[in-house]
Amino acid sequence: MPTLMKKPTLVLISGLLFLFLISLSLQAEQPEGKPKNIILMIGDGMGFNQHIAGAYWRCGQLGKQSYEQFPFHCGVTTFCARSTASVPPCYPGYEPEVFWIGLEGANLPTELTQTTDSTAAATAIYTGSKTLIDRLNIDPSGNRLETAGTVAHRQGKSIGVVTTVQTYDATPGCMAAHNIDRYHEEEILREMVYDSGLQVIIGSGHPERGRETAKFDGEKIEQREKFDYGDVGGEKLWGEMLAGEANGFMLVETTEDFQRVADAKVNVPQKIIGFPNVAQPIAPVDGMPDGDDSEEVKKVAGDVLGNQSPEKIPTLSLMSLTALNVLNQNENGFFVMIEGGAIDWACHARSPERVVMEQTAFAKAVDAVCGWVEQNSSWDETVLIVTSDHETSQLWGEGTYRDKNKDNKFETLNDVFLGFQPVQNNGKGKIPGMQFGFTNHTNSLVPLWAKGPNVRKFEKYYRGADEKAGKFWNFSGNYIDNTDIARFIINDCL
């Protein structure tokens, strides 16, 4: 006859079993863990139609690019403040029924809001607060705003910015700097270098602009005096960078040096500031269609790149991998912003060729970052957000309006709106059929894709749904506001 278990032992085992079951229950109710790494990739000026045009040029169809496979996808509103009056968190600055009345619907202001510029948009993305045009992380009343980058740095994470345009420009500058005026470029870059906590700063604007000037010896001094130091924070700051005396930053200038840092396994620098010695903005050398080297493609590439030597131009993909290798040394993780900054410039210039190449270069950088996550991290510890600060130029398909004077922009008094048309797919390596409505920014929805921990929590920030946009661009139609990106990063990632 088996010995009966003593009562105290039975009670102990029952208690342990009860605690174990409670523990399982609590684990099931706990939210997902926050990511170690946060990567925010911004296509400046990229609306849904810019994305579509780039996909047609690169792949000949939609659905083939890495970010198109991400588990979360929605729209984003981008309006900014119109006056010093604060914009309430739930203010309807985007109204679908207004947007779709015609091309003019993309820029109609409200009592409190207007179409944004990049500084106001970037401020919203990083701080969760609306502000006025031209302000970097300064609210309409003149108060400094704390950025998600500052929060990440305070938590012990490394922070960095990478862009294809100038480092002090709106989207990279707003990551960590504060200024009442975006055109105070030297002040902005000095704050980024000395007072922001940034450990990676990469962008265009090298003083030499790609000229062959190997050394600043006596014979070259006259040529040196002609250099433009405006994009590197002035001649004094540039001298500090060259001397290795700019707050511990190592200066990186050539494609070979970017590659060495990207590949390094030991002796990786702790802080880098990169100014590729090429003409600006950094040309989209990665902007070719996949596997297409036809004469038509070569001609488009030649027209865009001009007389620059592609092998001397680091791609956005390479610069991104360089930044990630430096930032990944921190065991606490990192927060980095990577920008395809010249999609916006191409749209301002109403250049179809440049639009698709800049868009493709940005998409390939997303591919490179996804590859880095899978090889060096994981989707369990890294979140990747791909989005835009605003749409530029009201890009649509051909036939959206009758362009009477053939100037490639819509003029209300002269041209005739015919109805919104989708961008036409002419096949891989062929410029899609498109029309530019305007030359500046618009109030259009922009896309957002996300992958990694907690991305479904974006759903709690939904502000509304634009059913027509959803049908036109093949997504749910649900949209958040750009301030909600900051809320997601700060509340759900940091």
Protein backbone atom coordinates (compact mmCIF):
# COMPACT_ATOMS: atom_id res chain seq x y z
CA MET A 1 0.00 0.00 0.00
CA PRO A 2 1.62 3.31 -1.08
CA THR A 3 2.53 5.85 1.54
CA LEU A 4 0.22 8.86 1.58
CA MET A 5 1.86 12.22 0.93
CA LYS A 6 2.01 14.38 4.03
CA LYS A 7 -0.40 17.31 4.14
CA PRO A 8 2.24 20.11 4.39
CA THR A 9 4.01 18.76 1.31
CA LEU A 10 0.73 18.57 -0.56
CA VAL A 11 -0.09 22.16 0.37
CA LEU A 12 3.35 23.31 -0.76
CA ILE A 13 3.05 21.59 -4.13
CA SER A 14 -0.47 22.91 -4.63
CA GLY A 15 0.73 26.41 -3.79
CA LEU A 16 3.63 26.21 -6.22
CA LEU A 17 1.31 24.90 -8.94
CA PHE A 18 -1.10 27.76 -8.27
CA LEU A 19 1.72 30.34 -8.50
CA PHE A 20 2.94 28.74 -11.72
CA LEU A 21 -0.52 28.96 -13.28
CA ILE A 22 -0.89 32.58 -12.15
CA SER A 23 2.52 33.34 -13.64
CA LEU A 24 1.46 31.89 -16.99
CA SER A 25 -1.72 33.93 -16.86
CA LEU A 26 0.18 37.15 -16.12
CA GLN A 27 2.66 36.43 -18.91
CA ALA A 28 -0.20 36.01 -21.35
CA GLU A 29 -1.65 39.38 -20.32
CA GLN A 30 1.64 41.30 -20.44
CA PRO A 31 2.33 43.38 -23.54
CA GLU A 32 5.09 42.45 -25.93
CA GLY A 33 8.55 43.55 -24.86
CA LYS A 34 9.84 46.84 -26.19
CA PRO A 35 12.43 46.67 -28.96
CA LYS A 36 16.11 47.12 -28.33
CA ASN A 37 16.63 48.97 -31.62
CA ILE A 38 14.44 51.50 -33.43
CA ILE A 39 15.03 52.31 -37.10
CA LEU A 40 12.95 55.08 -38.67
CA MET A 41 13.29 55.46 -42.45
CA ILE A 42 11.76 58.54 -44.05
CA GLY A 43 11.30 59.13 -47.77
CA ASP A 44 11.11 62.91 -47.85
CA GLY A 45 8.27 63.94 -50.16
CA MET A 46 7.15 60.32 -50.71
CA GLY A 47 3.43 59.95 -51.15
CA PHE A 48 1.63 56.78 -52.17
CA ASN A 49 2.06 57.61 -55.86
CA GLN A 50 5.81 58.25 -55.55
CA HIS A 51 6.12 54.80 -53.98
CA ILE A 52 4.04 53.27 -56.79
CA ALA A 53 6.02 55.02 -59.53
CA GLY A 54 9.29 53.79 -58.03
CA ALA A 55 7.99 50.22 -57.75
CA TYR A 56 6.95 50.20 -61.42
CA TRP A 57 10.36 51.51 -62.51
CA ARG A 58 12.30 49.11 -60.30
CA CYS A 59 10.21 45.93 -60.46
CA GLY A 60 7.55 46.40 -63.12
CA GLN A 61 4.85 45.66 -60.53
CA LEU A 62 3.77 46.29 -56.97
CA GLY A 63 4.30 43.93 -54.04
CA LYS A 64 7.92 42.94 -54.72
CA GLN A 65 9.79 45.34 -52.42
CA SER A 66 10.72 44.38 -48.87
CA TYR A 67 8.66 46.99 -47.04
CA GLU A 68 5.54 46.06 -49.02
CA GLN A 69 5.62 42.73 -47.13
CA PHE A 70 5.60 44.35 -43.69
CA PRO A 71 2.73 43.26 -41.40
CA PHE A 72 1.46 46.78 -40.67
CA HIS A 73 0.46 49.38 -43.26
CA CYS A 74 -1.61 52.55 -42.96
CA GLY A 75 -1.84 56.17 -44.03
CA VAL A 76 -0.54 59.24 -42.19
CA THR A 77 -1.81 62.83 -42.06
CA THR A 78 0.85 65.54 -42.19
CA PHE A 79 -0.71 69.01 -41.69
CA CYS A 80 1.02 71.52 -39.39
CA ALA A 81 -0.03 74.48 -37.23
CA ARG A 82 -1.16 77.66 -38.96
CA SER A 83 -0.86 80.13 -36.07
CA THR A 84 0.45 80.36 -32.54
CA ALA A 85 -2.81 78.80 -31.35
CA SER A 86 -2.15 75.18 -30.36
CA VAL A 87 -3.67 72.40 -32.45
CA PRO A 88 -5.80 70.05 -30.28
CA PRO A 89 -4.65 66.40 -30.44
CA CYS A 90 -7.81 65.25 -32.24
CA TYR A 91 -8.21 68.23 -34.57
CA PRO A 92 -9.39 67.12 -38.08
CA GLY A 93 -6.70 68.76 -40.19
CA TYR A 94 -7.30 66.19 -42.93
CA GLU A 95 -10.83 65.63 -44.23
CA PRO A 96 -11.22 63.04 -47.01
CA GLU A 97 -14.31 64.70 -48.51
CA VAL A 98 -12.28 67.92 -48.92
CA PHE A 99 -9.17 66.23 -50.30
CA TRP A 100 -11.00 64.41 -53.09
CA ILE A 101 -12.94 67.42 -54.47
CA GLY A 102 -10.13 68.05 -56.95
CA LEU A 103 -6.44 68.90 -57.06
CA GLU A 104 -7.02 72.06 -55.02
CA GLY A 105 -8.37 69.92 -52.16
CA ALA A 106 -4.82 68.89 -51.24
CA ASN A 107 -3.85 72.34 -50.00
CA LEU A 108 -6.92 73.91 -48.44
CA PRO A 109 -6.11 75.19 -44.92
CA THR A 110 -8.37 75.06 -41.89
CA GLU A 111 -8.73 77.61 -39.12
CA LEU A 112 -5.80 76.10 -37.22
CA THR A 113 -3.82 74.08 -39.78
CA GLN A 114 -2.08 74.33 -43.14
CA THR A 115 0.09 72.28 -45.48
CA THR A 116 3.36 71.46 -43.74
CA ASP A 117 6.99 71.97 -44.54
CA SER A 118 9.64 69.39 -43.60
CA THR A 119 10.67 71.03 -40.31
CA ALA A 120 7.15 71.16 -38.90
CA ALA A 121 6.52 67.61 -40.13
CA ALA A 122 9.76 66.27 -38.65
CA THR A 123 9.05 68.05 -35.37
CA ALA A 124 5.67 66.29 -35.23
CA ILE A 125 7.26 62.91 -36.01
CA TYR A 126 9.93 63.25 -33.32
CA THR A 127 8.04 65.09 -30.57
CA GLY A 128 4.34 64.37 -31.00
CA SER A 129 3.56 68.11 -31.22
CA LYS A 130 2.39 70.27 -34.10
CA THR A 131 4.34 73.44 -34.80
CA LEU A 132 4.78 76.23 -37.33
CA ILE A 133 6.64 76.09 -40.62
CA ASP A 134 10.45 76.52 -40.38
CA ARG A 135 10.69 75.55 -36.68
CA LEU A 136 12.86 72.70 -35.41
CA ASN A 137 11.42 71.27 -32.20
CA ILE A 138 10.10 74.64 -31.05
CA ASP A 139 6.35 74.81 -30.42
CA PRO A 140 4.08 77.66 -31.67
CA SER A 141 4.57 79.50 -28.36
CA GLY A 142 8.36 79.35 -28.61
CA ASN A 143 8.98 76.52 -26.12
CA ARG A 144 11.57 73.79 -26.68
CA LEU A 145 10.14 70.32 -27.29
CA GLU A 146 11.75 67.08 -26.17
CA THR A 147 12.41 64.64 -28.99
CA ALA A 148 12.17 60.88 -29.08
CA GLY A 149 15.90 60.92 -29.83
CA THR A 150 16.57 62.72 -26.55
CA VAL A 151 14.41 60.19 -24.68
CA ALA A 152 16.31 57.31 -26.31
CA HIS A 153 19.67 58.89 -25.47
CA ARG A 154 18.60 59.41 -21.85
CA GLN A 155 17.74 55.70 -21.68
CA GLY A 156 21.30 54.84 -22.70
CA LYS A 157 20.70 54.13 -26.38
CA SER A 158 22.94 55.44 -29.16
CA ILE A 159 21.30 57.79 -31.65
CA GLY A 160 22.16 58.75 -35.21
CA VAL A 161 21.00 60.30 -38.47
CA VAL A 162 21.72 59.45 -42.11
CA THR A 163 20.48 61.45 -45.08
CA THR A 164 21.17 61.99 -48.77
CA VAL A 165 20.84 65.77 -48.35
CA GLN A 166 22.44 68.20 -45.92
CA THR A 167 22.85 67.01 -42.34
CA TYR A 168 21.32 70.18 -40.88
CA ASP A 169 18.24 69.90 -43.10
CA ALA A 170 14.79 69.52 -41.58
CA THR A 171 14.42 65.76 -41.14
CA PRO A 172 17.92 64.96 -39.83
CA GLY A 173 18.24 68.27 -37.97
CA CYS A 174 15.00 67.76 -36.05
CA MET A 175 16.25 64.44 -34.69
CA ALA A 176 18.15 66.30 -31.99
CA ALA A 177 18.50 70.05 -32.64
CA HIS A 178 16.27 73.00 -31.68
CA ASN A 179 15.94 76.24 -33.59
CA ILE A 180 13.31 78.84 -34.35
CA ASP A 181 14.49 79.03 -37.99
CA ARG A 182 15.55 76.15 -40.24
CA TYR A 183 17.87 78.52 -42.13
CA HIS A 184 20.20 78.93 -39.13
CA GLU A 185 22.20 76.08 -40.60
CA GLU A 186 25.46 76.60 -38.71
CA GLU A 187 23.69 76.82 -35.34
CA ILE A 188 21.75 73.64 -36.10
CA LEU A 189 24.79 71.59 -37.12
CA ARG A 190 26.89 72.82 -34.19
CA GLU A 191 24.13 71.72 -31.81
CA MET A 192 24.00 68.33 -33.55
CA VAL A 193 27.75 67.87 -33.18
CA TYR A 194 28.28 69.25 -29.68
CA ASP A 195 25.01 69.25 -27.73
CA SER A 196 22.71 66.51 -29.01
CA GLY A 197 24.12 63.14 -28.00
CA LEU A 198 24.26 62.00 -31.63
CA GLN A 199 26.95 59.44 -32.38
CA VAL A 200 26.38 59.20 -36.14
CA ILE A 201 25.79 62.14 -38.47
CA ILE A 202 25.95 61.40 -42.23
CA GLY A 203 24.82 63.60 -45.11
CA SER A 204 25.84 65.64 -48.11
CA GLY A 205 27.48 69.04 -48.40
CA HIS A 206 31.22 68.34 -48.51
CA PRO A 207 33.04 71.66 -49.12
CA GLU A 208 35.03 70.26 -52.05
CA ARG A 209 31.88 69.03 -53.83
CA GLY A 210 33.77 66.18 -55.49
CA ARG A 211 36.62 68.23 -56.90
CA GLU A 212 40.06 66.69 -57.13
CA THR A 213 41.88 68.43 -54.25
CA ALA A 214 44.10 65.85 -52.67
CA LYS A 215 45.93 68.11 -50.23
CA PHE A 216 45.69 71.65 -48.96
CA ASP A 217 49.30 72.54 -49.70
CA GLY A 218 50.66 75.95 -50.67
CA GLU A 219 49.70 75.54 -54.31
CA LYS A 220 46.09 74.68 -53.46
CA ILE A 221 45.36 77.40 -50.92
CA GLU A 222 43.73 79.72 -53.47
CA GLN A 223 41.36 76.97 -54.55
CA ARG A 224 40.57 76.16 -50.92
CA GLU A 225 39.37 79.71 -50.32
CA LYS A 226 36.66 79.13 -52.94
CA PHE A 227 35.16 76.21 -51.06
CA ASP A 228 31.65 76.48 -49.67
CA TYR A 229 31.57 75.68 -45.95
CA GLY A 230 27.92 76.52 -45.44
CA ASP A 231 26.75 72.92 -45.43
CA VAL A 232 29.32 71.74 -42.86
CA GLY A 233 28.61 74.32 -40.17
CA GLY A 234 31.17 76.89 -41.31
CA GLU A 235 34.92 76.81 -41.90
CA LYS A 236 35.72 76.67 -38.16
CA LEU A 237 33.64 73.56 -37.55
CA TRP A 238 34.98 71.94 -40.72
CA GLY A 239 38.52 72.56 -39.50
CA GLU A 240 37.63 70.90 -36.19
CA MET A 241 36.29 67.89 -38.08
CA LEU A 242 39.41 67.61 -40.23
CA ALA A 243 41.61 67.81 -37.14
CA GLY A 244 39.59 65.17 -35.31
CA GLU A 245 38.64 67.71 -32.67
CA ALA A 246 34.86 67.85 -33.22
CA ASN A 247 33.58 66.24 -30.01
CA GLY A 248 35.18 62.89 -30.71
CA PHE A 249 33.69 62.40 -34.20
CA MET A 250 35.78 60.62 -36.82
CA LEU A 251 35.35 62.19 -40.26
CA VAL A 252 34.48 59.80 -43.12
CA GLU A 253 34.71 61.16 -46.68
CA THR A 254 35.20 58.43 -49.29
CA THR A 255 33.22 55.42 -50.44
CA GLU A 256 36.15 53.20 -49.45
CA ASP A 257 36.16 54.56 -45.91
CA PHE A 258 32.40 54.15 -45.56
CA GLN A 259 32.79 50.53 -46.68
CA ARG A 260 35.63 49.91 -44.22
CA VAL A 261 33.55 51.18 -41.31
CA ALA A 262 30.51 49.20 -42.47
CA ASP A 263 32.56 45.98 -42.66
CA ALA A 264 34.67 46.45 -39.53
CA LYS A 265 34.49 43.78 -36.83
CA VAL A 266 37.06 45.31 -34.48
CA ASN A 267 38.19 48.87 -33.78
CA VAL A 268 34.87 50.23 -34.96
CA PRO A 269 34.74 53.99 -34.27
CA GLN A 270 32.40 55.11 -31.52
CA LYS A 271 31.31 58.28 -33.33
CA ILE A 272 31.42 59.19 -37.01
CA ILE A 273 30.46 62.22 -39.05
CA GLY A 274 30.26 61.48 -42.76
CA PHE A 275 30.41 63.93 -45.65
CA PRO A 276 30.92 62.05 -48.94
CA ASN A 277 33.18 64.07 -51.20
CA VAL A 278 30.73 64.20 -54.12
CA ALA A 279 28.46 66.72 -55.77
CA GLN A 280 25.23 67.26 -53.87
CA PRO A 281 22.67 66.03 -53.28
CA ILE A 282 24.09 62.52 -53.24
CA ALA A 283 23.03 61.04 -56.56
CA PRO A 284 20.84 57.89 -56.56
CA VAL A 285 23.47 55.48 -57.84
CA ASP A 286 21.39 52.66 -56.38
CA GLY A 287 18.34 53.81 -58.33
CA MET A 288 18.49 51.33 -61.20
CA PRO A 289 15.71 48.81 -61.99
CA ASP A 290 16.42 45.27 -60.80
CA GLY A 291 18.41 43.42 -63.45
CA ASP A 292 17.79 45.94 -66.23
CA ASP A 293 20.68 47.55 -68.11
CA SER A 294 18.86 48.48 -71.30
CA GLU A 295 19.89 51.51 -73.34
CA GLU A 296 16.80 53.36 -72.12
CA VAL A 297 17.81 52.80 -68.50
CA LYS A 298 21.42 53.80 -69.20
CA LYS A 299 20.24 57.01 -70.81
CA VAL A 300 18.02 57.91 -67.84
CA ALA A 301 20.86 57.14 -65.43
CA GLY A 302 23.30 59.20 -67.48
CA ASP A 303 20.97 62.18 -67.57
CA VAL A 304 20.48 62.06 -63.79
CA LEU A 305 24.05 61.34 -62.74
CA GLY A 306 25.67 63.72 -65.22
CA ASN A 307 29.46 63.55 -65.25
CA GLN A 308 29.80 62.11 -61.75
CA SER A 309 31.66 58.83 -61.34
CA PRO A 310 29.17 56.39 -59.76
CA GLU A 311 31.93 54.35 -58.10
CA LYS A 312 32.92 57.41 -56.05
CA ILE A 313 29.41 57.98 -54.70
CA PRO A 314 28.38 56.00 -51.60
CA THR A 315 24.82 54.76 -51.83
CA LEU A 316 22.21 55.36 -49.16
CA SER A 317 22.36 51.61 -48.58
CA LEU A 318 26.08 51.74 -47.80
CA MET A 319 25.78 54.81 -45.58
CA SER A 320 22.94 53.10 -43.68
CA LEU A 321 25.01 49.96 -43.07
CA THR A 322 27.92 52.13 -41.94
CA ALA A 323 25.72 53.85 -39.38
CA LEU A 324 24.23 50.59 -38.14
CA ASN A 325 27.64 49.01 -37.57
CA VAL A 326 28.71 51.96 -35.42
CA LEU A 327 25.48 52.25 -33.44
CA ASN A 328 25.13 48.50 -32.85
CA GLN A 329 28.10 48.53 -30.46
CA ASN A 330 25.82 49.78 -27.69
CA GLU A 331 24.40 46.89 -25.65
CA ASN A 332 21.41 49.10 -24.80
CA GLY A 333 20.48 49.44 -28.48
CA PHE A 334 20.00 52.45 -30.70
CA PHE A 335 17.56 54.78 -32.43
CA VAL A 336 18.50 55.92 -35.94
CA MET A 337 16.72 57.94 -38.61
CA ILE A 338 17.64 57.22 -42.25
CA GLU A 339 16.31 59.59 -44.92
CA GLY A 340 15.96 59.45 -48.68
CA GLY A 341 15.97 63.24 -48.71
CA ALA A 342 15.98 64.05 -52.41
CA ILE A 343 12.71 62.37 -53.42
CA ASP A 344 11.31 65.72 -52.33
CA TRP A 345 13.85 67.65 -54.41
CA ALA A 346 13.02 65.59 -57.50
CA CYS A 347 9.31 66.29 -57.05
CA HIS A 348 9.92 70.02 -56.56
CA ALA A 349 11.83 69.94 -59.86
CA ARG A 350 9.01 67.89 -61.46
CA SER A 351 11.54 65.40 -62.80
CA PRO A 352 9.98 61.95 -63.41
CA GLU A 353 13.39 60.36 -64.00
CA ARG A 354 14.86 61.66 -60.77
CA VAL A 355 11.72 60.75 -58.81
CA VAL A 356 11.85 57.07 -59.73
CA MET A 357 15.60 56.83 -59.20
CA GLU A 358 15.55 58.56 -55.80
CA GLN A 359 12.57 56.42 -54.77
CA THR A 360 14.33 53.25 -55.88
CA ALA A 361 17.55 54.17 -54.06
CA PHE A 362 15.49 54.66 -50.90
CA ALA A 363 13.67 51.34 -51.38
CA LYS A 364 16.97 49.52 -51.84
CA ALA A 365 18.25 51.10 -48.63
CA VAL A 366 15.21 49.61 -46.87
CA ASP A 367 16.19 46.23 -48.35
CA ALA A 368 19.75 46.65 -47.02
CA VAL A 369 18.48 47.56 -43.55
CA CYS A 370 16.13 44.54 -43.52
CA GLY A 371 19.09 42.34 -44.43
CA TRP A 372 21.14 43.87 -41.62
CA VAL A 373 18.36 43.19 -39.09
CA GLU A 374 18.13 39.54 -40.14
CA GLN A 375 21.92 39.02 -40.05
CA ASN A 376 22.91 41.10 -37.02
CA SER A 377 19.78 41.45 -34.90
CA SER A 378 16.26 40.02 -35.25
CA TRP A 379 12.69 41.16 -35.78
CA ASP A 380 12.08 40.31 -32.11
CA GLU A 381 14.42 43.07 -30.94
CA THR A 382 14.34 45.63 -33.77
CA VAL A 383 11.42 47.69 -35.07
CA LEU A 384 11.61 49.26 -38.53
CA ILE A 385 9.22 52.04 -39.56
CA VAL A 386 9.15 53.23 -43.18
CA THR A 387 7.19 56.40 -43.86
CA SER A 388 7.29 59.97 -45.18
CA ASP A 389 7.19 63.48 -43.75
CA HIS A 390 4.78 64.78 -46.43
CA GLU A 391 3.86 64.38 -50.09
CA THR A 392 5.42 66.72 -52.64
CA SER A 393 3.96 67.93 -55.95
CA GLN A 394 0.55 66.18 -55.93
CA LEU A 395 1.79 63.39 -58.19
CA TRP A 396 -0.89 61.48 -60.17
CA GLY A 397 -1.18 59.50 -63.36
CA GLU A 398 -1.28 61.03 -66.82
CA GLY A 399 -4.66 62.40 -67.80
CA THR A 400 -5.52 63.77 -64.35
CA TYR A 401 -5.74 67.24 -65.90
CA ARG A 402 -5.44 68.88 -69.29
CA ASP A 403 -2.20 70.86 -69.23
CA LYS A 404 -3.04 73.63 -71.69
CA ASN A 405 0.33 75.42 -71.66
CA LYS A 406 2.39 72.23 -71.25
CA ASP A 407 4.28 73.49 -68.18
CA ASN A 408 3.84 70.25 -66.21
CA LYS A 409 1.92 71.81 -63.33
CA PHE A 410 -1.75 72.42 -62.64
CA GLU A 411 -2.97 76.03 -62.83
CA THR A 412 -6.53 76.46 -61.64
CA LEU A 413 -7.36 79.32 -64.02
CA ASN A 414 -5.86 77.74 -67.16
CA ASP A 415 -5.92 73.95 -66.86
CA VAL A 416 -8.86 71.54 -66.69
CA PHE A 417 -9.13 68.89 -63.96
CA LEU A 418 -10.36 65.63 -65.54
CA GLY A 419 -10.38 63.30 -62.54
CA PHE A 420 -7.75 61.50 -60.48
CA GLN A 421 -5.88 58.89 -62.50
CA PRO A 422 -3.53 56.20 -61.16
CA VAL A 423 0.15 56.23 -62.08
CA GLN A 424 0.44 54.15 -65.26
CA ASN A 425 2.75 51.14 -65.34
CA ASN A 426 4.83 51.15 -68.52
CA GLY A 427 6.99 48.20 -67.44
CA LYS A 428 10.23 47.75 -65.53
CA GLY A 429 12.91 50.23 -66.53
CA LYS A 430 10.42 52.53 -68.24
CA ILE A 431 9.29 55.84 -66.78
CA PRO A 432 5.71 55.41 -65.54
CA GLY A 433 2.93 57.65 -66.81
CA MET A 434 2.61 60.50 -64.31
CA GLN A 435 1.64 64.15 -63.95
CA PHE A 436 2.75 66.68 -61.34
CA GLY A 437 -0.10 68.76 -59.99
CA PHE A 438 1.94 71.36 -58.13
CA THR A 439 5.53 72.32 -57.33
CA ASN A 440 5.28 72.24 -53.55
CA HIS A 441 4.09 70.14 -50.63
CA THR A 442 0.52 68.91 -50.26
CA ASN A 443 -1.84 67.74 -47.55
CA SER A 444 -2.12 64.25 -49.04
CA LEU A 445 -1.99 61.13 -46.93
CA VAL A 446 1.42 59.46 -46.98
CA PRO A 447 2.13 55.76 -46.41
CA LEU A 448 3.58 54.01 -43.36
CA TRP A 449 4.81 50.44 -43.15
CA ALA A 450 6.17 48.83 -39.96
CA LYS A 451 7.71 45.55 -38.86
CA GLY A 452 8.95 44.34 -35.49
CA PRO A 453 7.78 44.35 -31.88
CA ASN A 454 4.50 46.09 -31.06
CA VAL A 455 3.76 47.41 -34.56
CA ARG A 456 0.10 46.43 -34.23
CA LYS A 457 -0.12 49.01 -31.45
CA PHE A 458 -0.19 51.64 -34.19
CA GLU A 459 -3.85 50.64 -34.54
CA LYS A 460 -4.75 52.33 -31.26
CA TYR A 461 -3.74 55.65 -32.81
CA TYR A 462 -6.13 55.48 -35.78
CA ARG A 463 -7.76 58.88 -36.42
CA GLY A 464 -10.13 57.87 -39.20
CA ALA A 465 -10.44 56.11 -42.54
CA ASP A 466 -10.33 57.39 -46.10
CA GLU A 467 -12.15 54.71 -48.06
CA LYS A 468 -11.38 56.23 -51.46
CA ALA A 469 -7.67 56.38 -50.63
CA GLY A 470 -7.82 52.77 -49.49
CA LYS A 471 -9.31 51.64 -52.80
CA PHE A 472 -6.99 53.85 -54.86
CA TRP A 473 -3.79 52.70 -53.13
CA ASN A 474 -4.77 49.20 -51.97
CA PHE A 475 -4.62 49.54 -48.20
CA SER A 476 -7.17 49.59 -45.37
CA GLY A 477 -7.77 53.33 -45.69
CA ASN A 478 -7.09 53.76 -41.96
CA TYR A 479 -4.81 56.63 -41.05
CA ILE A 480 -2.93 57.99 -38.06
CA ASP A 481 -1.43 61.46 -37.64
CA ASN A 482 2.32 62.11 -37.90
CA THR A 483 2.37 63.05 -34.20
CA ASP A 484 1.29 59.47 -33.48
CA ILE A 485 4.62 58.19 -34.82
CA ALA A 486 6.34 59.96 -31.91
CA ARG A 487 3.76 58.59 -29.51
CA PHE A 488 4.33 55.06 -30.76
CA ILE A 489 8.13 55.39 -30.49
CA ILE A 490 8.09 56.99 -27.03
CA ASN A 491 5.21 55.00 -25.49
CA ASP A 492 5.55 51.63 -27.18
CA CYS A 493 9.26 51.40 -28.03
CA LEU A 494 11.15 53.37 -25.37
